[in-house]
Structure formats: structure tokens, C-alpha cells
Amino acid sequence: MQLNLQRLRNISRKKMLAGVLILGMIVSVVALNMFRSKKQEGILVNTAKAEIKPIQDNVFASDRVRLCAKQEFYTFTGTTVKELNVSPGDRVSKGQVLGLLEKGLGSAA
């Protein structure tokens, strides 16, 4: 203990004052940063009026559609497919006749 007290006495006043000033500067910089970080700065947000509009359900794409599973076609009447107008891998469009049934019961869509 006495050794520590002797060391403190040997430190000059200038060194002690410099140490206190440096410590004070460090504390003030930390306090200033803490004060600045507490300011409420928000993010700029743009708002718009809500509107009711129809939703489009069309999807336009330029690629081939591949089936994940087979779709079987059948009728409740005893008929068979007379003519098949498409092959696997063909491109089809809305309203295109894919085949004809026997006995004039209509066209298969």
C-alpha cells in the first residue's frame, strides 16, 4: 500500500492534469454520441390513397407447359373418341377443338 501511495506522490501535477483532461474528453465524446443516438430520426415514407381496381387474372409467358400428371377424359355415355386433333407436346389455344366423339355427341374440349 505504501508503495502505491509513494508512486502517486511522485506523479507530477502536469501528468495528473493531462490524464484527467484526457479522461474528461473521452467521457464527453461518449456522452455526446449517446445523446445523438437518442434523437428520433424516422425513415421517409410515401403514402397513397387506397383504391379499388379490378385484378387481372391473365398471365403471359413464352414457354412450353408440361403436365405434372395425366388428365383422363371420359364421358358418362357409352361413346369413344372418333378423332383426336392434337398430339402430346402440341400447343393449344382457348376454344380449339381437341377431338371429336362418336355418335355426334359433341366435341371434346
PDB file of N, CA and C in Angstrom:
ATOM      1  N   MET A   1       0.813  -1.183   0.000  1.00  0.00           N
ATOM      2  CA  MET A   1       0.000   0.000   0.000  1.00  0.00           C
ATOM      3  C   MET A   1       0.863   1.256   0.000  1.00  0.00           C
ATOM      4  N   GLN A   2       1.879   1.217   0.811  1.00  0.00           N
ATOM      5  CA  GLN A   2       2.737   2.391   0.898  1.00  0.00           C
ATOM      6  C   GLN A   2       3.448   2.628  -0.425  1.00  0.00           C
ATOM      7  N   LEU A   3       3.729   1.557  -1.145  1.00  0.00           N
ATOM      8  CA  LEU A   3       4.405   1.672  -2.437  1.00  0.00           C
ATOM      9  C   LEU A   3       3.517   2.406  -3.442  1.00  0.00           C
ATOM     10  N   ASN A   4       2.231   2.096  -3.434  1.00  0.00           N
ATOM     11  CA  ASN A   4       1.294   2.762  -4.336  1.00  0.00           C
ATOM     12  C   ASN A   4       1.150   4.242  -3.990  1.00  0.00           C
ATOM     13  N   LEU A   5       1.100   4.557  -2.705  1.00  0.00           N
ATOM     14  CA  LEU A   5       0.987   5.953  -2.297  1.00  0.00           C
ATOM     15  C   LEU A   5       2.224   6.738  -2.691  1.00  0.00           C
ATOM     16  N   GLN A   6       3.362   6.124  -2.614  1.00  0.00           N
ATOM     17  CA  GLN A   6       4.596   6.810  -2.998  1.00  0.00           C
ATOM     18  C   GLN A   6       4.608   7.077  -4.503  1.00  0.00           C
ATOM     19  N   ARG A   7       4.117   6.145  -5.280  1.00  0.00           N
ATOM     20  CA  ARG A   7       4.068   6.347  -6.734  1.00  0.00           C
ATOM     21  C   ARG A   7       3.123   7.496  -7.085  1.00  0.00           C
ATOM     22  N   LEU A   8       1.968   7.556  -6.402  1.00  0.00           N
ATOM     23  CA  LEU A   8       1.027   8.632  -6.656  1.00  0.00           C
ATOM     24  C   LEU A   8       1.634   9.985  -6.306  1.00  0.00           C
ATOM     25  N   ARG A   9       2.398  10.059  -5.269  1.00  0.00           N
ATOM     26  CA  ARG A   9       3.034  11.317  -4.864  1.00  0.00           C
ATOM     27  C   ARG A   9       4.097  11.739  -5.865  1.00  0.00           C
ATOM     28  N   ASN A  10       4.730  10.746  -6.483  1.00  0.00           N
ATOM     29  CA  ASN A  10       5.798  11.054  -7.424  1.00  0.00           C
ATOM     30  C   ASN A  10       5.267  11.558  -8.776  1.00  0.00           C
ATOM     31  N   ILE A  11       4.022  11.273  -9.080  1.00  0.00           N
ATOM     32  CA  ILE A  11       3.449  11.732 -10.346  1.00  0.00           C
ATOM     33  C   ILE A  11       3.285  13.247 -10.264  1.00  0.00           C
ATOM     34  N   SER A  12       3.774  13.924 -11.258  1.00  0.00           N
ATOM     35  CA  SER A  12       3.706  15.386 -11.233  1.00  0.00           C
ATOM     36  C   SER A  12       2.284  15.874 -11.475  1.00  0.00           C
ATOM     37  N   ARG A  13       2.050  17.100 -11.095  1.00  0.00           N
ATOM     38  CA  ARG A  13       0.724  17.679 -11.256  1.00  0.00           C
ATOM     39  C   ARG A  13       0.356  17.799 -12.733  1.00  0.00           C
ATOM     40  N   LYS A  14       1.315  18.066 -13.589  1.00  0.00           N
ATOM     41  CA  LYS A  14       1.046  18.205 -15.022  1.00  0.00           C
ATOM     42  C   LYS A  14       0.553  16.881 -15.606  1.00  0.00           C
ATOM     43  N   LYS A  15       1.191  15.798 -15.205  1.00  0.00           N
ATOM     44  CA  LYS A  15       0.772  14.488 -15.705  1.00  0.00           C
ATOM     45  C   LYS A  15      -0.629  14.149 -15.201  1.00  0.00           C
ATOM     46  N   MET A  16      -0.901  14.482 -13.969  1.00  0.00           N
ATOM     47  CA  MET A  16      -2.205  14.205 -13.391  1.00  0.00           C
ATOM     48  C   MET A  16      -3.271  15.027 -14.114  1.00  0.00           C
ATOM     49  N   LEU A  17      -2.997  16.293 -14.373  1.00  0.00           N
ATOM     50  CA  LEU A  17      -3.935  17.159 -15.064  1.00  0.00           C
ATOM     51  C   LEU A  17      -4.181  16.665 -16.491  1.00  0.00           C
ATOM     52  N   ALA A  18      -3.124  16.221 -17.183  1.00  0.00           N
ATOM     53  CA  ALA A  18      -3.268  15.696 -18.543  1.00  0.00           C
ATOM     54  C   ALA A  18      -4.138  14.439 -18.542  1.00  0.00           C
ATOM     55  N   GLY A  19      -3.939  13.568 -17.603  1.00  0.00           N
ATOM     56  CA  GLY A  19      -4.738  12.347 -17.505  1.00  0.00           C
ATOM     57  C   GLY A  19      -6.204  12.647 -17.251  1.00  0.00           C
ATOM     58  N   VAL A  20      -6.476  13.587 -16.357  1.00  0.00           N
ATOM     59  CA  VAL A  20      -7.855  13.965 -16.050  1.00  0.00           C
ATOM     60  C   VAL A  20      -8.512  14.596 -17.273  1.00  0.00           C
ATOM     61  N   LEU A  21      -7.788  15.448 -18.004  1.00  0.00           N
ATOM     62  CA  LEU A  21      -8.334  16.069 -19.208  1.00  0.00           C
ATOM     63  C   LEU A  21      -8.649  15.031 -20.287  1.00  0.00           C
ATOM     64  N   ILE A  22      -7.746  14.089 -20.490  1.00  0.00           N
ATOM     65  CA  ILE A  22      -7.978  13.035 -21.489  1.00  0.00           C
ATOM     66  C   ILE A  22      -9.190  12.195 -21.094  1.00  0.00           C
ATOM     67  N   LEU A  23      -9.277  11.837 -19.842  1.00  0.00           N
ATOM     68  CA  LEU A  23     -10.421  11.064 -19.363  1.00  0.00           C
ATOM     69  C   LEU A  23     -11.722  11.860 -19.524  1.00  0.00           C
ATOM     70  N   GLY A  24     -11.671  13.151 -19.227  1.00  0.00           N
ATOM     71  CA  GLY A  24     -12.850  14.007 -19.395  1.00  0.00           C
ATOM     72  C   GLY A  24     -13.279  14.107 -20.848  1.00  0.00           C
ATOM     73  N   MET A  25     -12.318  14.185 -21.764  1.00  0.00           N
ATOM     74  CA  MET A  25     -12.645  14.247 -23.191  1.00  0.00           C
ATOM     75  C   MET A  25     -13.298  12.952 -23.656  1.00  0.00           C
ATOM     76  N   ILE A  26     -12.770  11.833 -23.196  1.00  0.00           N
ATOM     77  CA  ILE A  26     -13.336  10.535 -23.578  1.00  0.00           C
ATOM     78  C   ILE A  26     -14.770  10.419 -23.074  1.00  0.00           C
ATOM     79  N   VAL A  27     -15.003  10.808 -21.831  1.00  0.00           N
ATOM     80  CA  VAL A  27     -16.345  10.732 -21.256  1.00  0.00           C
ATOM     81  C   VAL A  27     -17.298  11.656 -22.006  1.00  0.00           C
ATOM     82  N   SER A  28     -16.836  12.865 -22.356  1.00  0.00           N
ATOM     83  CA  SER A  28     -17.722  13.797 -23.070  1.00  0.00           C
ATOM     84  C   SER A  28     -18.049  13.304 -24.479  1.00  0.00           C
ATOM     85  N   VAL A  29     -17.092  12.682 -25.184  1.00  0.00           N
ATOM     86  CA  VAL A  29     -17.363  12.142 -26.519  1.00  0.00           C
ATOM     87  C   VAL A  29     -18.378  11.005 -26.433  1.00  0.00           C
ATOM     88  N   VAL A  30     -18.230  10.127 -25.469  1.00  0.00           N
ATOM     89  CA  VAL A  30     -19.175   9.022 -25.294  1.00  0.00           C
ATOM     90  C   VAL A  30     -20.566   9.564 -24.950  1.00  0.00           C
ATOM     91  N   ALA A  31     -20.640  10.550 -24.072  1.00  0.00           N
ATOM     92  CA  ALA A  31     -21.936  11.125 -23.698  1.00  0.00           C
ATOM     93  C   ALA A  31     -22.585  11.821 -24.891  1.00  0.00           C
ATOM     94  N   LEU A  32     -21.799  12.527 -25.698  1.00  0.00           N
ATOM     95  CA  LEU A  32     -22.335  13.203 -26.879  1.00  0.00           C
ATOM     96  C   LEU A  32     -22.881  12.199 -27.887  1.00  0.00           C
ATOM     97  N   ASN A  33     -22.172  11.103 -28.103  1.00  0.00           N
ATOM     98  CA  ASN A  33     -22.657  10.059 -29.015  1.00  0.00           C
ATOM     99  C   ASN A  33     -23.941   9.420 -28.499  1.00  0.00           C
ATOM    100  N   MET A  34     -24.032   9.216 -27.209  1.00  0.00           N
ATOM    101  CA  MET A  34     -25.256   8.640 -26.643  1.00  0.00           C
ATOM    102  C   MET A  34     -26.424   9.607 -26.802  1.00  0.00           C
ATOM    103  N   PHE A  35     -26.178  10.896 -26.625  1.00  0.00           N
ATOM    104  CA  PHE A  35     -27.234  11.897 -26.779  1.00  0.00           C
ATOM    105  C   PHE A  35     -27.702  11.966 -28.224  1.00  0.00           C
ATOM    106  N   ARG A  36     -26.790  11.930 -29.161  1.00  0.00           N
ATOM    107  CA  ARG A  36     -27.147  11.987 -30.585  1.00  0.00           C
ATOM    108  C   ARG A  36     -27.933  10.749 -31.012  1.00  0.00           C
ATOM    109  N   SER A  37     -27.603   9.591 -30.465  1.00  0.00           N
ATOM    110  CA  SER A  37     -28.286   8.361 -30.875  1.00  0.00           C
ATOM    111  C   SER A  37     -29.721   8.299 -30.352  1.00  0.00           C
ATOM    112  N   LYS A  38     -30.061   9.090 -29.349  1.00  0.00           N
ATOM    113  CA  LYS A  38     -31.415   9.076 -28.798  1.00  0.00           C
ATOM    114  C   LYS A  38     -32.384   9.932 -29.598  1.00  0.00           C
ATOM    115  N   LYS A  39     -31.914  10.707 -30.547  1.00  0.00           N
ATOM    116  CA  LYS A  39     -32.802  11.531 -31.363  1.00  0.00           C
ATOM    117  C   LYS A  39     -33.694  10.629 -32.197  1.00  0.00           C
ATOM    118  N   GLN A  40     -34.941  11.034 -32.351  1.00  0.00           N
ATOM    119  CA  GLN A  40     -35.912  10.248 -33.107  1.00  0.00           C
ATOM    120  C   GLN A  40     -35.852  10.639 -34.579  1.00  0.00           C
ATOM    121  N   GLU A  41     -35.056   9.959 -35.342  1.00  0.00           N
ATOM    122  CA  GLU A  41     -34.992  10.183 -36.779  1.00  0.00           C
ATOM    123  C   GLU A  41     -35.706   9.028 -37.461  1.00  0.00           C
ATOM    124  N   GLY A  42     -36.720   9.357 -38.254  1.00  0.00           N
ATOM    125  CA  GLY A  42     -37.503   8.318 -38.908  1.00  0.00           C
ATOM    126  C   GLY A  42     -37.070   8.104 -40.342  1.00  0.00           C
ATOM    127  N   ILE A  43     -37.674   7.112 -40.949  1.00  0.00           N
ATOM    128  CA  ILE A  43     -37.435   6.785 -42.349  1.00  0.00           C
ATOM    129  C   ILE A  43     -38.513   7.473 -43.169  1.00  0.00           C
ATOM    130  N   LEU A  44     -38.138   8.057 -44.285  1.00  0.00           N
ATOM    131  CA  LEU A  44     -39.090   8.731 -45.156  1.00  0.00           C
ATOM    132  C   LEU A  44     -40.046   7.708 -45.762  1.00  0.00           C
ATOM    133  N   VAL A  45     -41.352   7.951 -45.598  1.00  0.00           N
ATOM    134  CA  VAL A  45     -42.376   7.030 -46.090  1.00  0.00           C
ATOM    135  C   VAL A  45     -43.337   7.811 -46.978  1.00  0.00           C
ATOM    136  N   ASN A  46     -43.626   7.269 -48.157  1.00  0.00           N
ATOM    137  CA  ASN A  46     -44.613   7.861 -49.049  1.00  0.00           C
ATOM    138  C   ASN A  46     -45.934   7.133 -48.871  1.00  0.00           C
ATOM    139  N   THR A  47     -47.017   7.882 -48.790  1.00  0.00           N
ATOM    140  CA  THR A  47     -48.336   7.274 -48.640  1.00  0.00           C
ATOM    141  C   THR A  47     -49.168   7.532 -49.887  1.00  0.00           C
ATOM    142  N   ALA A  48     -50.170   6.705 -50.083  1.00  0.00           N
ATOM    143  CA  ALA A  48     -51.074   6.857 -51.222  1.00  0.00           C
ATOM    144  C   ALA A  48     -52.484   6.500 -50.774  1.00  0.00           C
ATOM    145  N   LYS A  49     -53.467   7.035 -51.479  1.00  0.00           N
ATOM    146  CA  LYS A  49     -54.858   6.750 -51.168  1.00  0.00           C
ATOM    147  C   LYS A  49     -55.212   5.354 -51.680  1.00  0.00           C
ATOM    148  N   ALA A  50     -55.938   4.590 -50.883  1.00  0.00           N
ATOM    149  CA  ALA A  50     -56.344   3.237 -51.284  1.00  0.00           C
ATOM    150  C   ALA A  50     -57.421   3.332 -52.358  1.00  0.00           C
ATOM    151  N   GLU A  51     -57.295   2.479 -53.375  1.00  0.00           N
ATOM    152  CA  GLU A  51     -58.251   2.465 -54.473  1.00  0.00           C
ATOM    153  C   GLU A  51     -58.727   1.046 -54.725  1.00  0.00           C
ATOM    154  N   ILE A  52     -59.956   0.923 -55.223  1.00  0.00           N
ATOM    155  CA  ILE A  52     -60.485  -0.380 -55.613  1.00  0.00           C
ATOM    156  C   ILE A  52     -60.380  -0.475 -57.124  1.00  0.00           C
ATOM    157  N   LYS A  53     -59.646  -1.478 -57.593  1.00  0.00           N
ATOM    158  CA  LYS A  53     -59.460  -1.695 -59.026  1.00  0.00           C
ATOM    159  C   LYS A  53     -59.639  -3.176 -59.322  1.00  0.00           C
ATOM    160  N   PRO A  54     -60.077  -3.519 -60.530  1.00  0.00           N
ATOM    161  CA  PRO A  54     -60.190  -4.941 -60.876  1.00  0.00           C
ATOM    162  C   PRO A  54     -58.808  -5.580 -60.995  1.00  0.00           C
ATOM    163  N   ILE A  55     -58.739  -6.829 -60.603  1.00  0.00           N
ATOM    164  CA  ILE A  55     -57.484  -7.572 -60.679  1.00  0.00           C
ATOM    165  C   ILE A  55     -57.467  -8.354 -61.977  1.00  0.00           C
ATOM    166  N   GLN A  56     -56.366  -8.262 -62.696  1.00  0.00           N
ATOM    167  CA  GLN A  56     -56.234  -9.042 -63.920  1.00  0.00           C
ATOM    168  C   GLN A  56     -55.771 -10.441 -63.557  1.00  0.00           C
ATOM    169  N   ASP A  57     -56.400 -11.425 -64.176  1.00  0.00           N
ATOM    170  CA  ASP A  57     -56.013 -12.800 -63.900  1.00  0.00           C
ATOM    171  C   ASP A  57     -55.351 -13.446 -65.103  1.00  0.00           C
ATOM    172  N   ASN A  58     -54.796 -12.635 -65.977  1.00  0.00           N
ATOM    173  CA  ASN A  58     -54.091 -13.166 -67.142  1.00  0.00           C
ATOM    174  C   ASN A  58     -52.602 -13.237 -66.850  1.00  0.00           C
ATOM    175  N   VAL A  59     -51.996 -14.315 -67.282  1.00  0.00           N
ATOM    176  CA  VAL A  59     -50.553 -14.465 -67.162  1.00  0.00           C
ATOM    177  C   VAL A  59     -50.005 -14.713 -68.549  1.00  0.00           C
ATOM    178  N   PHE A  60     -49.092 -13.879 -68.980  1.00  0.00           N
ATOM    179  CA  PHE A  60     -48.486 -14.038 -70.296  1.00  0.00           C
ATOM    180  C   PHE A  60     -47.077 -14.589 -70.114  1.00  0.00           C
ATOM    181  N   ALA A  61     -46.791 -15.678 -70.809  1.00  0.00           N
ATOM    182  CA  ALA A  61     -45.474 -16.298 -70.716  1.00  0.00           C
ATOM    183  C   ALA A  61     -45.117 -16.883 -72.069  1.00  0.00           C
ATOM    184  N   SER A  62     -43.839 -17.014 -72.308  1.00  0.00           N
ATOM    185  CA  SER A  62     -43.400 -17.610 -73.574  1.00  0.00           C
ATOM    186  C   SER A  62     -42.565 -18.846 -73.263  1.00  0.00           C
ATOM    187  N   ASP A  63     -43.245 -19.933 -73.015  1.00  0.00           N
ATOM    188  CA  ASP A  63     -42.564 -21.188 -72.709  1.00  0.00           C
ATOM    189  C   ASP A  63     -43.548 -22.322 -72.948  1.00  0.00           C
ATOM    190  N   ARG A  64     -43.065 -23.533 -72.861  1.00  0.00           N
ATOM    191  CA  ARG A  64     -43.929 -24.708 -73.025  1.00  0.00           C
ATOM    192  C   ARG A  64     -44.479 -25.125 -71.673  1.00  0.00           C
ATOM    193  N   VAL A  65     -45.711 -25.595 -71.698  1.00  0.00           N
ATOM    194  CA  VAL A  65     -46.350 -26.081 -70.483  1.00  0.00           C
ATOM    195  C   VAL A  65     -46.246 -27.593 -70.479  1.00  0.00           C
ATOM    196  N   ARG A  66     -45.739 -28.130 -69.387  1.00  0.00           N
ATOM    197  CA  ARG A  66     -45.614 -29.583 -69.267  1.00  0.00           C
ATOM    198  C   ARG A  66     -46.511 -30.050 -68.138  1.00  0.00           C
ATOM    199  N   LEU A  67     -47.170 -31.154 -68.363  1.00  0.00           N
ATOM    200  CA  LEU A  67     -48.077 -31.688 -67.356  1.00  0.00           C
ATOM    201  C   LEU A  67     -47.315 -32.367 -66.235  1.00  0.00           C
ATOM    202  N   CYS A  68     -47.806 -32.192 -65.033  1.00  0.00           N
ATOM    203  CA  CYS A  68     -47.241 -32.904 -63.892  1.00  0.00           C
ATOM    204  C   CYS A  68     -47.862 -34.287 -63.773  1.00  0.00           C
ATOM    205  N   ALA A  69     -49.094 -34.410 -64.202  1.00  0.00           N
ATOM    206  CA  ALA A  69     -49.802 -35.689 -64.126  1.00  0.00           C
ATOM    207  C   ALA A  69     -50.729 -35.790 -65.327  1.00  0.00           C
ATOM    208  N   LYS A  70     -51.121 -37.017 -65.666  1.00  0.00           N
ATOM    209  CA  LYS A  70     -52.040 -37.234 -66.785  1.00  0.00           C
ATOM    210  C   LYS A  70     -53.442 -36.848 -66.381  1.00  0.00           C
ATOM    211  N   GLN A  71     -54.181 -36.292 -67.325  1.00  0.00           N
ATOM    212  CA  GLN A  71     -55.590 -35.982 -67.104  1.00  0.00           C
ATOM    213  C   GLN A  71     -56.402 -36.916 -67.984  1.00  0.00           C
ATOM    214  N   GLU A  72     -57.206 -37.750 -67.372  1.00  0.00           N
ATOM    215  CA  GLU A  72     -58.022 -38.687 -68.138  1.00  0.00           C
ATOM    216  C   GLU A  72     -59.331 -38.026 -68.523  1.00  0.00           C
ATOM    217  N   PHE A  73     -59.806 -38.347 -69.735  1.00  0.00           N
ATOM    218  CA  PHE A  73     -61.064 -37.803 -70.243  1.00  0.00           C
ATOM    219  C   PHE A  73     -62.051 -38.947 -70.392  1.00  0.00           C
ATOM    220  N   TYR A  74     -63.244 -38.764 -69.884  1.00  0.00           N
ATOM    221  CA  TYR A  74     -64.270 -39.793 -70.055  1.00  0.00           C
ATOM    222  C   TYR A  74     -65.638 -39.123 -70.090  1.00  0.00           C
ATOM    223  N   THR A  75     -66.599 -39.858 -70.634  1.00  0.00           N
ATOM    224  CA  THR A  75     -67.979 -39.357 -70.681  1.00  0.00           C
ATOM    225  C   THR A  75     -68.876 -40.313 -69.922  1.00  0.00           C
ATOM    226  N   PHE A  76     -70.040 -39.828 -69.549  1.00  0.00           N
ATOM    227  CA  PHE A  76     -70.991 -40.665 -68.828  1.00  0.00           C
ATOM    228  C   PHE A  76     -71.819 -41.536 -69.769  1.00  0.00           C
ATOM    229  N   THR A  77     -71.758 -41.224 -71.050  1.00  0.00           N
ATOM    230  CA  THR A  77     -72.471 -42.059 -72.034  1.00  0.00           C
ATOM    231  C   THR A  77     -71.479 -43.001 -72.678  1.00  0.00           C
ATOM    232  N   GLY A  78     -71.937 -44.085 -73.212  1.00  0.00           N
ATOM    233  CA  GLY A  78     -71.053 -45.070 -73.827  1.00  0.00           C
ATOM    234  C   GLY A  78     -70.587 -44.619 -75.206  1.00  0.00           C
ATOM    235  N   THR A  79     -69.578 -43.813 -75.271  1.00  0.00           N
ATOM    236  CA  THR A  79     -69.053 -43.332 -76.546  1.00  0.00           C
ATOM    237  C   THR A  79     -67.533 -43.394 -76.534  1.00  0.00           C
ATOM    238  N   THR A  80     -66.937 -43.308 -77.692  1.00  0.00           N
ATOM    239  CA  THR A  80     -65.477 -43.319 -77.806  1.00  0.00           C
ATOM    240  C   THR A  80     -65.027 -42.096 -78.589  1.00  0.00           C
ATOM    241  N   VAL A  81     -63.745 -41.830 -78.518  1.00  0.00           N
ATOM    242  CA  VAL A  81     -63.178 -40.700 -79.253  1.00  0.00           C
ATOM    243  C   VAL A  81     -63.053 -41.105 -80.711  1.00  0.00           C
ATOM    244  N   LYS A  82     -63.707 -40.371 -81.598  1.00  0.00           N
ATOM    245  CA  LYS A  82     -63.685 -40.658 -83.029  1.00  0.00           C
ATOM    246  C   LYS A  82     -62.429 -40.076 -83.672  1.00  0.00           C
ATOM    247  N   GLU A  83     -62.076 -38.868 -83.297  1.00  0.00           N
ATOM    248  CA  GLU A  83     -60.944 -38.191 -83.925  1.00  0.00           C
ATOM    249  C   GLU A  83     -60.209 -37.381 -82.855  1.00  0.00           C
ATOM    250  N   LEU A  84     -58.886 -37.457 -82.855  1.00  0.00           N
ATOM    251  CA  LEU A  84     -58.065 -36.693 -81.920  1.00  0.00           C
ATOM    252  C   LEU A  84     -57.224 -35.722 -82.736  1.00  0.00           C
ATOM    253  N   ASN A  85     -57.386 -34.443 -82.518  1.00  0.00           N
ATOM    254  CA  ASN A  85     -56.742 -33.420 -83.339  1.00  0.00           C
ATOM    255  C   ASN A  85     -55.406 -32.930 -82.791  1.00  0.00           C
ATOM    256  N   VAL A  86     -54.999 -33.378 -81.636  1.00  0.00           N
ATOM    257  CA  VAL A  86     -53.739 -32.917 -81.038  1.00  0.00           C
ATOM    258  C   VAL A  86     -52.895 -34.112 -80.624  1.00  0.00           C
ATOM    259  N   SER A  87     -51.613 -33.861 -80.496  1.00  0.00           N
ATOM    260  CA  SER A  87     -50.664 -34.879 -80.035  1.00  0.00           C
ATOM    261  C   SER A  87     -49.983 -34.363 -78.774  1.00  0.00           C
ATOM    262  N   PRO A  88     -49.391 -35.258 -77.987  1.00  0.00           N
ATOM    263  CA  PRO A  88     -48.663 -34.798 -76.803  1.00  0.00           C
ATOM    264  C   PRO A  88     -47.556 -33.821 -77.205  1.00  0.00           C
ATOM    265  N   GLY A  89     -47.474 -32.702 -76.506  1.00  0.00           N
ATOM    266  CA  GLY A  89     -46.451 -31.694 -76.787  1.00  0.00           C
ATOM    267  C   GLY A  89     -46.928 -30.578 -77.692  1.00  0.00           C
ATOM    268  N   ASP A  90     -48.132 -30.737 -78.315  1.00  0.00           N
ATOM    269  CA  ASP A  90     -48.675 -29.682 -79.185  1.00  0.00           C
ATOM    270  C   ASP A  90     -49.105 -28.480 -78.351  1.00  0.00           C
ATOM    271  N   ARG A  91     -49.054 -27.320 -78.989  1.00  0.00           N
ATOM    272  CA  ARG A  91     -49.557 -26.114 -78.343  1.00  0.00           C
ATOM    273  C   ARG A  91     -51.035 -25.979 -78.684  1.00  0.00           C
ATOM    274  N   VAL A  92     -51.825 -25.656 -77.691  1.00  0.00           N
ATOM    275  CA  VAL A  92     -53.260 -25.495 -77.899  1.00  0.00           C
ATOM    276  C   VAL A  92     -53.666 -24.100 -77.450  1.00  0.00           C
ATOM    277  N   SER A  93     -54.796 -23.641 -77.957  1.00  0.00           N
ATOM    278  CA  SER A  93     -55.298 -22.328 -77.571  1.00  0.00           C
ATOM    279  C   SER A  93     -56.740 -22.458 -77.104  1.00  0.00           C
ATOM    280  N   LYS A  94     -57.220 -21.411 -76.473  1.00  0.00           N
ATOM    281  CA  LYS A  94     -58.572 -21.405 -75.930  1.00  0.00           C
ATOM    282  C   LYS A  94     -59.579 -21.543 -77.073  1.00  0.00           C
ATOM    283  N   GLY A  95     -60.531 -22.452 -76.909  1.00  0.00           N
ATOM    284  CA  GLY A  95     -61.565 -22.660 -77.907  1.00  0.00           C
ATOM    285  C   GLY A  95     -61.201 -23.648 -78.994  1.00  0.00           C
ATOM    286  N   GLN A  96     -59.974 -24.144 -79.002  1.00  0.00           N
ATOM    287  CA  GLN A  96     -59.546 -25.095 -80.037  1.00  0.00           C
ATOM    288  C   GLN A  96     -60.200 -26.446 -79.783  1.00  0.00           C
ATOM    289  N   VAL A  97     -60.690 -27.100 -80.860  1.00  0.00           N
ATOM    290  CA  VAL A  97     -61.295 -28.424 -80.749  1.00  0.00           C
ATOM    291  C   VAL A  97     -60.166 -29.439 -80.661  1.00  0.00           C
ATOM    292  N   LEU A  98     -60.129 -30.171 -79.569  1.00  0.00           N
ATOM    293  CA  LEU A  98     -59.062 -31.147 -79.361  1.00  0.00           C
ATOM    294  C   LEU A  98     -59.407 -32.501 -79.965  1.00  0.00           C
ATOM    295  N   GLY A  99     -60.682 -32.823 -80.043  1.00  0.00           N
ATOM    296  CA  GLY A  99     -61.083 -34.108 -80.613  1.00  0.00           C
ATOM    297  C   GLY A  99     -62.585 -34.181 -80.779  1.00  0.00           C
ATOM    298  N   LEU A 100     -63.037 -35.227 -81.484  1.00  0.00           N
ATOM    299  CA  LEU A 100     -64.469 -35.443 -81.711  1.00  0.00           C
ATOM    300  C   LEU A 100     -64.885 -36.781 -81.132  1.00  0.00           C
ATOM    301  N   LEU A 101     -66.091 -36.816 -80.590  1.00  0.00           N
ATOM    302  CA  LEU A 101     -66.644 -38.051 -80.057  1.00  0.00           C
ATOM    303  C   LEU A 101     -67.525 -38.708 -81.112  1.00  0.00           C
ATOM    304  N   GLU A 102     -67.694 -40.040 -81.016  1.00  0.00           N
ATOM    305  CA  GLU A 102     -68.579 -40.780 -81.926  1.00  0.00           C
ATOM    306  C   GLU A 102     -70.034 -40.453 -81.662  1.00  0.00           C
ATOM    307  N   LYS A 103     -70.869 -40.747 -82.591  1.00  0.00           N
ATOM    308  CA  LYS A 103     -72.322 -40.625 -82.493  1.00  0.00           C
ATOM    309  C   LYS A 103     -72.777 -39.178 -82.377  1.00  0.00           C
ATOM    310  N   GLY A 104     -71.938 -38.211 -82.785  1.00  0.00           N
ATOM    311  CA  GLY A 104     -72.339 -36.807 -82.845  1.00  0.00           C
ATOM    312  C   GLY A 104     -72.740 -36.205 -81.511  1.00  0.00           C
ATOM    313  N   LEU A 105     -72.123 -36.657 -80.422  1.00  0.00           N
ATOM    314  CA  LEU A 105     -72.487 -36.138 -79.104  1.00  0.00           C
ATOM    315  C   LEU A 105     -71.811 -34.807 -78.797  1.00  0.00           C
ATOM    316  N   GLY A 106     -70.966 -34.319 -79.666  1.00  0.00           N
ATOM    317  CA  GLY A 106     -70.308 -33.037 -79.425  1.00  0.00           C
ATOM    318  C   GLY A 106     -68.813 -33.162 -79.544  1.00  0.00           C
ATOM    319  N   SER A 107     -68.154 -32.102 -79.220  1.00  0.00           N
ATOM    320  CA  SER A 107     -66.691 -32.101 -79.321  1.00  0.00           C
ATOM    321  C   SER A 107     -66.082 -32.107 -77.932  1.00  0.00           C
ATOM    322  N   ALA A 108     -64.936 -32.748 -77.841  1.00  0.00           N
ATOM    323  CA  ALA A 108     -64.233 -32.806 -76.564  1.00  0.00           C
ATOM    324  C   ALA A 108     -63.383 -31.559 -76.424  1.00  0.00           C
ATOM    325  N   ALA A 109     -63.453 -30.917 -75.318  1.00  0.00           N
ATOM    326  CA  ALA A 109     -62.675 -29.696 -75.113  1.00  0.00           C
ATOM    327  C   ALA A 109     -61.530 -29.972 -74.178  1.00  0.00           C
TER     328      ALA A 109
END
